[in-house]
Amino acid sequence: MRNKTCLRCGRELSQVQRWNKRKYCSPQCFGASHFKQVEWNGIKIRPGQALEILQLCNEGLGLIEAQQILGANYKAVMKIKHDPELAAFLPERLCLYCDTPLTQDFLQRKYCSSKCVGKAKRDRGRTEEERMKRKIEQRKREQAIEWYSKGLDTTSISQQLEVSIKKIQCWIRKSGTEKPHKICPEIARLRPLNVRLKDARSAKEWSNILHAASGEQVDMTDVTLVCGTVHGGGAAPRYADIVLHKLRQKLIEGKRYAFCNVLRNTITTIEWRGENFYLTRTIKTKGTFSWPSEELGDFLVITNAAFLHLTEYLKPSKTFDSVK
């Protein structure tokens, strides 16, 4: 008597299958009944090339490398790709253009979208120098959007990445990124030194910012900065009078005091050596010096290395012509 149902799953056989004296409804039921399945990493799979490929991929090899080593056929590879449980063990694949991780639905593709396909096709027509320039600009674009999302202003981003402000604003506008109300502490150090010094709330904070910018240099000499500005120029006795009466400090030999004029373009230092005053002036021909305001106190003490960094500091330009 001919069987009317599959011996494995119990599904009813078709009339053609009964005429051909078939016992199973499909090749899958036939294979599951005649070939033993083994359990590997929580899944059941029949021994064969597919299992060997997965084992090599689990050891760190890529899918193509494993296929070439084993000499596996195309069907074994496609069996892995079309089975979600088996495809989950394959190493993560990235888009060849934008490095976006490909999902399980895109395992047979090289790119994540048709846009990347078109961009990659145009990129193949460019020179190596043009490709490198595009990659650098892409990295700068991603970095600019990340910093802006953490609260950094466009001017500071432009100065750090050496990209024009208009291009930075265009990148941010297209990405739809919104700037938060407060800047992240780890991003605040990327702002220009003069902006950070201007936003300092105390003399200690002001000096700490300047010392961090000047670097960790071993320097035992100190310079006392007189907060606020001084009208006019004047001779050494005038500055000495400010130190003695306004600051109520003694003129100790070898100790320097620094003053800044109202225009913030001249720094004057006095120092007592023996029976003489030594007076020096540093004049900035372009721009102004960053100087502590009277709100921070009467004076603050910094190292000589920090003082040299303050006098030599140049404010970066706000715009750049092109991407370097």
Protein backbone atom coordinates (compact mmCIF):
# COMPACT_ATOMS: atom_id res chain seq x y z
CA MET A 1 0.00 0.00 0.00
CA ARG A 2 1.36 3.41 -0.94
CA ASN A 3 1.94 6.03 1.74
CA LYS A 4 -0.42 8.99 1.66
CA THR A 5 1.50 11.17 4.17
CA CYS A 6 5.15 12.17 4.72
CA LEU A 7 6.95 9.81 7.09
CA ARG A 8 8.65 12.74 8.85
CA CYS A 9 6.27 15.72 9.06
CA GLY A 10 2.94 13.98 8.34
CA ARG A 11 2.06 16.29 5.45
CA GLU A 12 -0.18 14.75 2.79
CA LEU A 13 1.68 13.67 -0.35
CA SER A 14 0.62 14.86 -3.74
CA GLN A 15 -0.75 12.46 -6.37
CA VAL A 16 2.49 12.63 -8.39
CA GLN A 17 4.54 11.81 -5.29
CA ARG A 18 2.35 8.80 -4.55
CA TRP A 19 2.67 7.58 -8.13
CA ASN A 20 6.48 7.83 -7.83
CA LYS A 21 6.32 5.98 -4.52
CA ARG A 22 7.84 8.87 -2.56
CA LYS A 23 8.00 8.63 1.22
CA TYR A 24 8.80 12.28 1.98
CA CYS A 25 7.16 15.49 0.88
CA SER A 26 10.39 17.45 0.24
CA PRO A 27 14.19 17.08 0.04
CA GLN A 28 14.43 18.79 3.43
CA CYS A 29 12.40 16.05 5.10
CA PHE A 30 14.42 13.40 3.25
CA GLY A 31 17.74 14.99 4.38
CA ALA A 32 16.58 15.43 7.97
CA SER A 33 15.57 11.76 8.12
CA HIS A 34 18.70 10.26 6.50
CA PHE A 35 21.47 12.65 7.61
CA LYS A 36 22.22 13.26 11.25
CA GLN A 37 22.13 16.88 12.52
CA VAL A 38 24.70 18.19 14.98
CA GLU A 39 24.41 21.10 17.42
CA TRP A 40 26.98 23.88 16.99
CA ASN A 41 26.91 27.09 19.03
CA GLY A 42 23.24 26.64 19.85
CA ILE A 43 22.00 25.82 16.31
CA LYS A 44 21.32 22.50 14.59
CA ILE A 45 23.04 21.99 11.25
CA ARG A 46 23.96 18.98 9.12
CA PRO A 47 27.68 18.31 8.68
CA GLY A 48 29.11 19.62 5.42
CA GLN A 49 30.75 22.58 3.80
CA ALA A 50 28.36 25.09 5.38
CA LEU A 51 29.36 23.98 8.88
CA GLU A 52 33.07 24.06 8.01
CA ILE A 53 32.74 27.60 6.62
CA LEU A 54 31.00 28.78 9.80
CA GLN A 55 33.71 27.22 11.95
CA LEU A 56 36.44 29.08 10.06
CA CYS A 57 34.47 32.34 10.20
CA ASN A 58 34.08 31.86 13.94
CA GLU A 59 37.90 31.74 14.19
CA GLY A 60 38.23 35.16 12.57
CA LEU A 61 38.41 34.48 8.83
CA GLY A 62 36.20 36.25 6.31
CA LEU A 63 33.50 34.47 4.32
CA ILE A 64 35.43 34.64 1.02
CA GLU A 65 38.67 33.47 2.68
CA ALA A 66 36.93 30.49 4.27
CA GLN A 67 35.30 29.58 0.95
CA GLN A 68 38.65 29.70 -0.87
CA ILE A 69 40.44 27.59 1.76
CA LEU A 70 37.81 24.86 1.72
CA GLY A 71 37.09 25.08 -2.00
CA ALA A 72 33.40 25.28 -1.13
CA ASN A 73 30.79 25.68 -3.86
CA TYR A 74 28.37 28.55 -4.33
CA LYS A 75 25.39 26.66 -2.89
CA ALA A 76 27.05 26.22 0.51
CA VAL A 77 27.69 29.96 0.77
CA MET A 78 24.17 30.88 -0.32
CA LYS A 79 22.72 28.46 2.20
CA ILE A 80 24.46 30.38 4.98
CA LYS A 81 23.41 33.79 3.67
CA HIS A 82 19.73 32.88 3.28
CA ASP A 83 19.42 31.29 6.73
CA PRO A 84 19.14 34.01 9.44
CA GLU A 85 20.43 31.69 12.19
CA LEU A 86 23.51 30.76 10.18
CA ALA A 87 24.11 34.29 8.81
CA ALA A 88 24.23 35.64 12.38
CA PHE A 89 27.60 33.90 12.85
CA LEU A 90 29.21 35.66 9.88
CA PRO A 91 31.60 38.56 10.67
CA GLU A 92 30.13 42.06 10.39
CA ARG A 93 30.33 43.46 6.86
CA LEU A 94 30.65 47.17 6.12
CA CYS A 95 29.60 49.27 3.15
CA LEU A 96 32.60 49.67 0.87
CA TYR A 97 31.93 53.41 0.53
CA CYS A 98 30.61 54.82 3.83
CA ASP A 99 31.62 51.97 6.23
CA THR A 100 28.04 51.58 7.44
CA PRO A 101 27.40 48.08 8.91
CA LEU A 102 25.31 45.98 6.52
CA THR A 103 22.25 44.27 7.97
CA GLN A 104 21.29 40.66 7.29
CA ASP A 105 19.12 41.79 4.36
CA PHE A 106 22.16 43.26 2.59
CA LEU A 107 24.60 40.35 2.94
CA GLN A 108 24.67 39.80 -0.81
CA ARG A 109 25.46 43.45 -1.54
CA LYS A 110 28.63 45.53 -1.32
CA TYR A 111 26.94 48.86 -0.59
CA CYS A 112 24.23 49.93 1.82
CA SER A 113 22.21 52.00 -0.67
CA SER A 114 21.94 53.06 -4.29
CA LYS A 115 23.48 56.43 -3.35
CA CYS A 116 26.67 54.73 -2.19
CA VAL A 117 26.70 52.69 -5.42
CA GLY A 118 26.61 55.90 -7.49
CA LYS A 119 29.18 57.67 -5.31
CA ALA A 120 31.54 54.70 -5.49
CA LYS A 121 31.18 54.63 -9.29
CA ARG A 122 32.07 58.33 -9.51
CA ASP A 123 34.89 57.86 -7.02
CA ARG A 124 36.54 55.25 -9.26
CA GLY A 125 36.96 57.95 -11.90
CA ARG A 126 38.88 60.24 -9.53
CA THR A 127 42.62 60.29 -8.90
CA GLU A 128 44.18 58.94 -5.71
CA GLU A 129 44.78 62.48 -4.45
CA GLU A 130 41.13 63.41 -4.98
CA ARG A 131 39.95 60.26 -3.17
CA MET A 132 42.18 61.03 -0.20
CA LYS A 133 40.92 64.62 -0.08
CA ARG A 134 37.32 63.38 -0.09
CA LYS A 135 37.99 60.93 2.76
CA ILE A 136 39.65 63.66 4.84
CA GLU A 137 36.71 65.99 4.26
CA GLN A 138 34.27 63.22 5.19
CA ARG A 139 36.08 62.63 8.49
CA LYS A 140 36.10 66.35 9.22
CA ARG A 141 32.39 66.55 8.48
CA GLU A 142 31.60 63.74 10.93
CA GLN A 143 33.86 65.32 13.58
CA ALA A 144 32.26 68.74 13.12
CA ILE A 145 28.74 67.35 13.56
CA GLU A 146 29.80 65.39 16.66
CA TRP A 147 31.39 68.44 18.31
CA TYR A 148 28.40 70.64 17.47
CA SER A 149 26.03 68.10 19.03
CA LYS A 150 28.09 68.40 22.25
CA GLY A 151 27.83 72.19 22.39
CA LEU A 152 30.94 73.50 20.57
CA ASP A 153 30.35 76.66 18.51
CA THR A 154 30.99 76.81 14.76
CA THR A 155 33.87 79.29 15.10
CA SER A 156 35.83 76.95 17.37
CA ILE A 157 35.07 73.99 15.10
CA SER A 158 36.32 75.97 12.11
CA GLN A 159 39.57 76.82 13.87
CA GLN A 160 40.18 73.25 15.04
CA LEU A 161 39.45 71.57 11.68
CA GLU A 162 40.76 74.43 9.50
CA VAL A 163 37.55 74.55 7.46
CA SER A 164 35.58 77.67 6.56
CA ILE A 165 32.68 78.58 8.81
CA LYS A 166 30.25 78.57 5.86
CA LYS A 167 31.09 74.96 5.08
CA ILE A 168 30.73 73.98 8.76
CA GLN A 169 27.31 75.65 8.89
CA CYS A 170 26.27 73.89 5.66
CA TRP A 171 27.24 70.48 7.09
CA ILE A 172 25.31 71.11 10.29
CA ARG A 173 22.23 72.43 8.47
CA LYS A 174 22.04 69.37 6.21
CA SER A 175 22.51 66.96 9.11
CA GLY A 176 19.72 68.59 11.15
CA THR A 177 21.83 68.53 14.34
CA GLU A 178 20.72 70.82 17.17
CA LYS A 179 23.16 72.47 19.56
CA PRO A 180 22.55 71.85 23.29
CA HIS A 181 22.30 74.72 25.78
CA LYS A 182 25.41 73.64 27.71
CA ILE A 183 28.77 72.56 26.36
CA CYS A 184 30.28 69.25 27.48
CA PRO A 185 33.30 69.69 29.80
CA GLU A 186 35.56 67.50 27.63
CA ILE A 187 34.78 69.65 24.57
CA ALA A 188 35.26 73.02 26.32
CA ARG A 189 39.05 72.72 26.02
CA LEU A 190 38.75 72.92 22.22
CA ARG A 191 37.62 76.54 22.38
CA PRO A 192 40.27 79.23 21.76
CA LEU A 193 42.38 80.20 24.77
CA ASN A 194 41.16 83.82 24.82
CA VAL A 195 37.52 82.66 24.94
CA ARG A 196 38.18 80.25 27.82
CA LEU A 197 40.08 82.93 29.76
CA LYS A 198 37.25 85.39 29.19
CA ASP A 199 34.67 82.94 30.58
CA ALA A 200 36.74 82.15 33.70
CA ARG A 201 34.81 82.86 36.92
CA SER A 202 37.70 83.02 39.39
CA ALA A 203 41.41 83.83 39.50
CA LYS A 204 42.27 80.20 40.18
CA GLU A 205 40.27 79.03 37.17
CA TRP A 206 41.91 81.70 34.99
CA SER A 207 45.44 80.66 36.00
CA ASN A 208 44.65 76.93 35.69
CA ILE A 209 43.45 77.41 32.10
CA LEU A 210 46.59 79.34 31.21
CA HIS A 211 48.90 76.82 32.87
CA ALA A 212 47.21 73.92 31.07
CA ALA A 213 47.59 75.71 27.73
CA SER A 214 51.29 76.48 28.30
CA GLY A 215 52.09 72.83 29.06
CA GLU A 216 53.77 71.16 32.01
CA GLN A 217 57.09 73.00 32.08
CA VAL A 218 59.43 73.06 35.06
CA ASP A 219 59.69 76.76 35.93
CA MET A 220 60.37 78.02 39.47
CA THR A 221 60.03 81.74 38.73
CA ASP A 222 56.69 83.49 39.13
CA VAL A 223 55.07 86.57 37.62
CA THR A 224 52.33 88.51 39.41
CA LEU A 225 49.62 89.81 37.07
CA VAL A 226 47.85 92.94 38.31
CA CYS A 227 44.16 92.45 37.44
CA GLY A 228 42.44 95.15 35.46
CA THR A 229 44.03 97.72 33.20
CA VAL A 230 46.19 100.78 33.83
CA HIS A 231 45.62 104.13 32.09
CA GLY A 232 48.54 105.54 30.16
CA GLY A 233 52.17 104.47 30.23
CA GLY A 234 54.09 105.98 33.10
CA ALA A 235 57.51 105.35 34.61
CA ALA A 236 58.66 102.71 37.06
CA PRO A 237 57.81 104.74 40.23
CA ARG A 238 54.15 104.88 39.21
CA TYR A 239 53.92 101.10 38.89
CA ALA A 240 55.83 100.67 42.14
CA ASP A 241 53.30 102.95 43.86
CA ILE A 242 50.43 100.72 42.65
CA VAL A 243 52.16 97.65 44.06
CA LEU A 244 52.87 99.28 47.43
CA HIS A 245 49.61 101.12 48.09
CA LYS A 246 46.89 99.43 46.02
CA LEU A 247 48.07 95.83 46.24
CA ARG A 248 49.86 96.31 49.59
CA GLN A 249 52.74 94.13 48.44
CA LYS A 250 56.43 94.51 49.22
CA LEU A 251 58.89 94.97 46.36
CA ILE A 252 61.03 91.89 46.90
CA GLU A 253 64.18 91.54 44.85
CA GLY A 254 63.71 89.30 41.81
CA LYS A 255 59.89 89.40 41.92
CA ARG A 256 58.15 90.65 38.76
CA TYR A 257 54.84 92.48 38.45
CA ALA A 258 53.01 92.78 35.11
CA PHE A 259 50.51 95.48 34.07
CA CYS A 260 48.32 95.88 30.98
CA ASN A 261 47.14 99.17 29.47
CA VAL A 262 43.53 100.08 28.67
CA LEU A 263 43.89 99.19 24.97
CA ARG A 264 45.23 95.77 25.96
CA ASN A 265 48.04 96.01 23.43
CA THR A 266 50.95 96.67 25.82
CA ILE A 267 52.17 94.68 28.81
CA THR A 268 54.61 96.38 31.19
CA THR A 269 56.67 94.48 33.77
CA ILE A 270 58.75 95.89 36.65
CA GLU A 271 61.32 94.08 38.73
CA TRP A 272 63.46 95.26 41.63
CA ARG A 273 67.13 94.30 41.39
CA GLY A 274 69.48 95.73 43.98
CA GLU A 275 68.98 99.50 43.96
CA ASN A 276 67.36 99.73 40.50
CA PHE A 277 64.00 99.08 38.84
CA TYR A 278 63.99 97.10 35.58
CA LEU A 279 61.07 97.99 33.34
CA THR A 280 60.16 96.10 30.15
CA ARG A 281 57.32 96.57 27.66
CA THR A 282 55.81 94.03 25.28
CA ILE A 283 53.75 95.64 22.52
CA LYS A 284 51.31 93.75 20.26
CA THR A 285 51.15 95.35 16.83
CA LYS A 286 48.01 93.43 15.82
CA GLY A 287 45.17 92.33 18.11
CA THR A 288 45.02 92.49 21.89
CA PHE A 289 46.31 90.55 24.89
CA SER A 290 44.10 88.36 27.07
CA TRP A 291 44.20 89.79 30.60
CA PRO A 292 42.37 89.07 33.90
CA SER A 293 39.65 91.58 34.78
CA GLU A 294 39.21 93.37 38.11
CA GLU A 295 36.29 91.04 38.94
CA LEU A 296 38.79 88.21 39.51
CA GLY A 297 40.57 90.10 42.33
CA ASP A 298 43.55 92.42 42.74
CA PHE A 299 46.23 90.13 41.35
CA LEU A 300 47.09 86.52 40.52
CA VAL A 301 50.37 84.64 40.30
CA ILE A 302 51.40 82.53 37.32
CA THR A 303 54.61 80.83 36.25
CA ASN A 304 57.08 82.48 33.90
CA ALA A 305 56.33 79.82 31.23
CA ALA A 306 52.62 80.65 31.39
CA PHE A 307 53.44 84.36 31.15
CA LEU A 308 55.53 83.81 28.02
CA HIS A 309 52.70 81.76 26.50
CA LEU A 310 50.28 84.60 27.28
CA THR A 311 52.46 87.23 25.58
CA GLU A 312 53.24 85.04 22.55
CA TYR A 313 49.71 83.69 22.05
CA LEU A 314 48.18 84.51 18.66
CA LYS A 315 44.45 84.39 18.18
CA PRO A 316 43.58 82.02 15.32
CA SER A 317 41.81 83.44 12.29
CA LYS A 318 38.05 82.85 12.12
CA THR A 319 37.84 81.59 8.54
CA PHE A 320 39.87 79.41 6.24
CA ASP A 321 39.90 79.50 2.47
CA SER A 322 40.01 75.77 1.82
CA VAL A 323 40.32 72.35 3.39
CA LYS A 324 43.94 71.35 3.88
